[in-house]
Amino acid sequence: MSKKRQIEVLLMQDVGELGKAGQLVKVAPGFARNCLLPQKRAAIPTGEALRALDAKKKRDAELVAQRASELEALAEAIPATNVTLEMKSSGEGKLYGAVTAQMIAEAMQAAGLDVHAQQVRLEDTIKEIGQFDVPIHVFGDVTVNARLWVVNQP
């Protein structure tokens, strides 16, 4: 049996089952030539490629730090903001529908907060007029409560 020929490449970004960015891996020459190298997912391990990888890692770290500071500011701003939703209701205060995560997200965006419906964690269905604390998942394990007022639409 003959050994299959492989070449060593430096991964410039995470590649599925192959490895993480910065790793030296051995792959088939055709895979490197036809897939990894043209898509700039890997490079031949040279000094220049290592410097480019370090620069990319620094840029990525700066972007992560910037996004983390933005999310921390959002986590501080959410509890300080009261959000009001106007909905049609009966005389007893029962809503003619339910408050959805999308409605809450749109109201928060109108108040100047960058919150998406996927971040809203409704524990129970809101079907009446009143004040509610709605958990908002900001990032990681950070969840803050937003104050929501549901009022009768005139």
Protein backbone atom coordinates (compact mmCIF):
# COMPACT_ATOMS: atom_id res chain seq x y z
CA MET A 1 0.00 0.00 0.00
CA SER A 2 1.21 3.45 -0.83
CA LYS A 3 0.82 6.37 1.48
CA LYS A 4 -1.54 9.07 0.31
CA ARG A 5 0.20 12.34 -0.39
CA GLN A 6 -0.81 15.23 1.87
CA ILE A 7 0.28 18.81 2.23
CA GLU A 8 0.34 21.00 5.30
CA VAL A 9 -1.74 24.18 5.35
CA LEU A 10 -2.36 26.91 7.91
CA LEU A 11 -6.07 27.43 8.60
CA MET A 12 -7.02 31.10 8.40
CA GLN A 13 -10.54 30.48 9.78
CA ASP A 14 -12.43 27.66 11.46
CA VAL A 15 -13.19 24.86 8.98
CA GLY A 16 -15.85 22.41 10.19
CA GLU A 17 -14.33 19.12 11.31
CA LEU A 18 -10.87 20.03 10.02
CA GLY A 19 -9.78 22.46 12.73
CA LYS A 20 -9.71 25.95 14.17
CA ALA A 21 -8.06 29.08 12.82
CA GLY A 22 -4.30 29.08 13.39
CA GLN A 23 -3.86 25.31 13.30
CA LEU A 24 -1.50 23.53 10.96
CA VAL A 25 -3.33 20.59 9.37
CA LYS A 26 -2.51 18.04 6.70
CA VAL A 27 -4.99 17.75 3.84
CA ALA A 28 -5.11 16.22 0.39
CA PRO A 29 -3.46 18.43 -2.24
CA GLY A 30 -6.63 18.64 -4.32
CA PHE A 31 -8.72 19.77 -1.34
CA ALA A 32 -6.19 22.49 -0.55
CA ARG A 33 -5.79 23.58 -4.18
CA ASN A 34 -9.48 23.51 -5.15
CA CYS A 35 -11.27 24.49 -1.96
CA LEU A 36 -9.24 25.88 0.93
CA LEU A 37 -6.74 28.11 -0.84
CA PRO A 38 -9.09 29.81 -3.39
CA GLN A 39 -11.63 30.58 -0.66
CA LYS A 40 -8.84 31.96 1.57
CA ARG A 41 -9.84 29.56 4.33
CA ALA A 42 -6.24 28.33 4.49
CA ALA A 43 -2.79 29.40 3.34
CA ILE A 44 0.58 27.82 2.79
CA PRO A 45 2.39 28.20 6.15
CA THR A 46 4.80 31.09 5.57
CA GLY A 47 5.85 34.02 7.71
CA GLU A 48 3.54 36.30 5.78
CA ALA A 49 0.56 33.99 6.33
CA LEU A 50 1.28 33.85 10.06
CA ARG A 51 1.43 37.67 10.24
CA ALA A 52 -1.87 37.93 8.32
CA LEU A 53 -3.47 35.45 10.73
CA ASP A 54 -2.23 37.44 13.74
CA ALA A 55 -3.62 40.66 12.25
CA LYS A 56 -6.97 38.96 11.61
CA LYS A 57 -7.08 37.67 15.20
CA LYS A 58 -6.38 41.20 16.53
CA ARG A 59 -9.18 42.68 14.36
CA ASP A 60 -11.58 39.96 15.51
CA ALA A 61 -10.67 40.56 19.17
CA GLU A 62 -11.29 44.32 18.75
CA LEU A 63 -14.68 43.65 17.14
CA VAL A 64 -15.65 41.27 19.95
CA ALA A 65 -14.60 43.82 22.59
CA GLN A 66 -16.54 46.59 20.84
CA ARG A 67 -19.67 44.42 20.54
CA ALA A 68 -19.37 43.40 24.21
CA SER A 69 -19.26 47.05 25.30
CA GLU A 70 -22.31 47.83 23.14
CA LEU A 71 -24.21 44.92 24.68
CA GLU A 72 -23.22 45.98 28.21
CA ALA A 73 -24.59 49.46 27.50
CA LEU A 74 -27.79 47.87 26.18
CA ALA A 75 -28.06 45.72 29.32
CA GLU A 76 -27.86 48.88 31.43
CA ALA A 77 -30.36 50.81 29.28
CA ILE A 78 -33.12 48.18 29.13
CA PRO A 79 -34.20 48.29 32.81
CA ALA A 80 -34.18 52.09 32.77
CA THR A 81 -36.65 52.24 29.85
CA ASN A 82 -40.41 51.85 30.17
CA VAL A 83 -42.08 50.47 27.06
CA THR A 84 -45.79 50.97 26.37
CA LEU A 85 -47.94 48.87 24.07
CA GLU A 86 -51.43 50.03 23.09
CA MET A 87 -53.83 47.19 22.35
CA LYS A 88 -57.58 46.83 21.99
CA SER A 89 -59.23 45.32 25.03
CA SER A 90 -62.60 44.54 26.55
CA GLY A 91 -64.18 46.47 29.38
CA GLU A 92 -62.73 44.01 31.91
CA GLY A 93 -59.17 44.60 30.70
CA LYS A 94 -58.82 41.41 28.67
CA LEU A 95 -56.96 41.85 25.36
CA TYR A 96 -58.45 40.89 22.00
CA GLY A 97 -55.29 38.96 21.24
CA ALA A 98 -51.99 38.38 22.97
CA VAL A 99 -48.79 40.36 23.26
CA THR A 100 -46.06 38.67 21.22
CA ALA A 101 -42.29 38.85 21.44
CA GLN A 102 -42.28 40.60 18.06
CA MET A 103 -44.58 43.34 19.37
CA ILE A 104 -42.35 43.89 22.40
CA ALA A 105 -39.21 44.00 20.25
CA GLU A 106 -40.75 46.55 17.87
CA ALA A 107 -41.83 48.73 20.79
CA MET A 108 -38.34 48.57 22.27
CA GLN A 109 -36.80 49.45 18.91
CA ALA A 110 -39.14 52.44 18.70
CA ALA A 111 -37.81 53.46 22.13
CA GLY A 112 -34.26 53.35 20.74
CA LEU A 113 -33.14 49.96 22.06
CA ASP A 114 -31.62 47.38 19.71
CA VAL A 115 -33.67 44.36 20.80
CA HIS A 116 -34.85 41.57 18.51
CA ALA A 117 -37.77 39.21 18.99
CA GLN A 118 -35.41 36.26 19.56
CA GLN A 119 -34.07 38.01 22.66
CA VAL A 120 -37.49 38.43 24.31
CA ARG A 121 -38.22 35.59 26.74
CA LEU A 122 -41.94 35.59 27.46
CA GLU A 123 -42.59 33.26 30.39
CA ASP A 124 -46.40 33.48 30.22
CA THR A 125 -48.78 34.75 27.58
CA ILE A 126 -49.79 38.36 28.18
CA LYS A 127 -53.53 38.68 27.59
CA GLU A 128 -54.56 41.54 29.86
CA ILE A 129 -53.89 45.19 30.53
CA GLY A 130 -51.26 45.97 33.14
CA GLN A 131 -47.60 46.26 33.97
CA PHE A 132 -45.26 43.33 33.30
CA ASP A 133 -41.57 42.56 33.75
CA VAL A 134 -40.36 40.84 30.59
CA PRO A 135 -36.96 39.06 30.57
CA ILE A 136 -34.68 40.12 27.71
CA HIS A 137 -31.68 37.92 26.88
CA VAL A 138 -28.87 40.34 26.02
CA PHE A 139 -25.82 38.07 25.59
CA GLY A 140 -24.22 35.02 27.15
CA ASP A 141 -25.90 34.47 30.48
CA VAL A 142 -26.93 38.14 30.88
CA THR A 143 -30.70 38.54 31.08
CA VAL A 144 -32.35 41.76 32.24
CA ASN A 145 -35.99 42.63 32.90
CA ALA A 146 -37.74 45.26 30.81
CA ARG A 147 -40.74 47.13 32.20
CA LEU A 148 -43.71 46.72 29.84
CA TRP A 149 -46.98 48.61 30.14
CA VAL A 150 -49.94 47.25 28.20
CA VAL A 151 -52.66 49.89 27.94
CA ASN A 152 -56.04 50.17 26.24
CA GLN A 153 -55.93 51.53 22.71
CA PRO A 154 -58.24 54.55 22.47
